[in-house]
Amino acid sequence: MWNSANRAELPTTAGLLDEAASGVVLSDVEAQHEREAEAFHSNAQQLKDLQDWVMQQREAAKPQ
């Protein structure tokens, strides 16, 4: 399941039953989670900044 998730694939139930152990250790899972959480927070901040900029542009474009 770990391998499928990291390839952005949806695993099938049958495939999970036949798949050999991936050899993934919990420290790998933790490290991947940290990378994904960091990327999420970075993207969220960029989106917030963009939204703020758009609102500023709308205010600046209003007729006086």
Protein backbone atom coordinates (compact mmCIF):
# COMPACT_ATOMS: atom_id res chain seq x y z
CA MET A 1 0.00 0.00 0.00
CA TRP A 2 2.86 2.38 0.84
CA ASN A 3 4.43 1.87 -2.57
CA SER A 4 1.12 2.51 -4.36
CA ALA A 5 0.39 5.63 -2.33
CA ASN A 6 3.80 7.12 -3.09
CA ARG A 7 3.25 6.51 -6.79
CA ALA A 8 -0.13 8.30 -6.47
CA GLU A 9 -1.95 5.11 -7.42
CA LEU A 10 -5.04 3.62 -5.84
CA PRO A 11 -4.22 0.08 -4.78
CA THR A 12 -6.62 -2.70 -5.57
CA THR A 13 -7.67 -5.08 -2.83
CA ALA A 14 -6.40 -8.07 -4.78
CA GLY A 15 -3.09 -6.34 -5.39
CA LEU A 16 -2.63 -5.73 -1.69
CA LEU A 17 -3.08 -9.40 -0.91
CA ASP A 18 -0.44 -10.46 -3.43
CA GLU A 19 2.07 -7.69 -2.83
CA ALA A 20 5.28 -8.64 -1.10
CA ALA A 21 6.43 -6.71 1.93
CA SER A 22 7.90 -3.38 0.87
CA GLY A 23 10.56 -3.18 3.56
CA VAL A 24 9.41 0.31 4.58
CA VAL A 25 10.36 1.25 8.13
CA LEU A 26 8.47 3.72 10.31
CA SER A 27 11.28 6.25 10.10
CA ASP A 28 10.73 6.36 6.32
CA VAL A 29 7.03 6.98 6.87
CA GLU A 30 7.78 9.75 9.35
CA ALA A 31 10.30 11.41 7.03
CA GLN A 32 7.85 11.29 4.12
CA HIS A 33 5.10 12.76 6.31
CA GLU A 34 7.39 15.60 7.37
CA ARG A 35 8.25 16.40 3.74
CA GLU A 36 4.59 16.36 2.74
CA ALA A 37 3.55 18.49 5.73
CA GLU A 38 6.26 21.04 4.91
CA ALA A 39 5.13 21.19 1.28
CA PHE A 40 1.50 21.59 2.37
CA HIS A 41 2.31 24.48 4.69
CA SER A 42 4.45 26.16 2.06
CA ASN A 43 1.67 25.86 -0.53
CA ALA A 44 -0.91 27.11 1.96
CA GLN A 45 1.20 30.18 2.73
CA GLN A 46 1.72 30.88 -0.97
CA LEU A 47 -2.02 30.65 -1.55
CA LYS A 48 -2.73 33.00 1.36
CA ASP A 49 -0.16 35.48 0.04
CA LEU A 50 -1.70 35.30 -3.43
CA GLN A 51 -5.18 35.85 -2.05
CA ASP A 52 -3.94 38.87 -0.09
CA TRP A 53 -2.28 40.27 -3.21
CA VAL A 54 -5.46 39.80 -5.28
CA MET A 55 -7.50 41.61 -2.63
CA GLN A 56 -4.98 44.48 -2.62
CA GLN A 57 -5.16 44.69 -6.40
CA ARG A 58 -8.97 44.79 -6.28
CA GLU A 59 -8.87 47.62 -3.74
CA ALA A 60 -6.31 49.53 -5.77
CA ALA A 61 -8.39 49.15 -8.94
CA LYS A 62 -11.59 50.55 -7.40
CA PRO A 63 -12.58 53.93 -8.79
CA GLN A 64 -11.98 56.76 -6.34
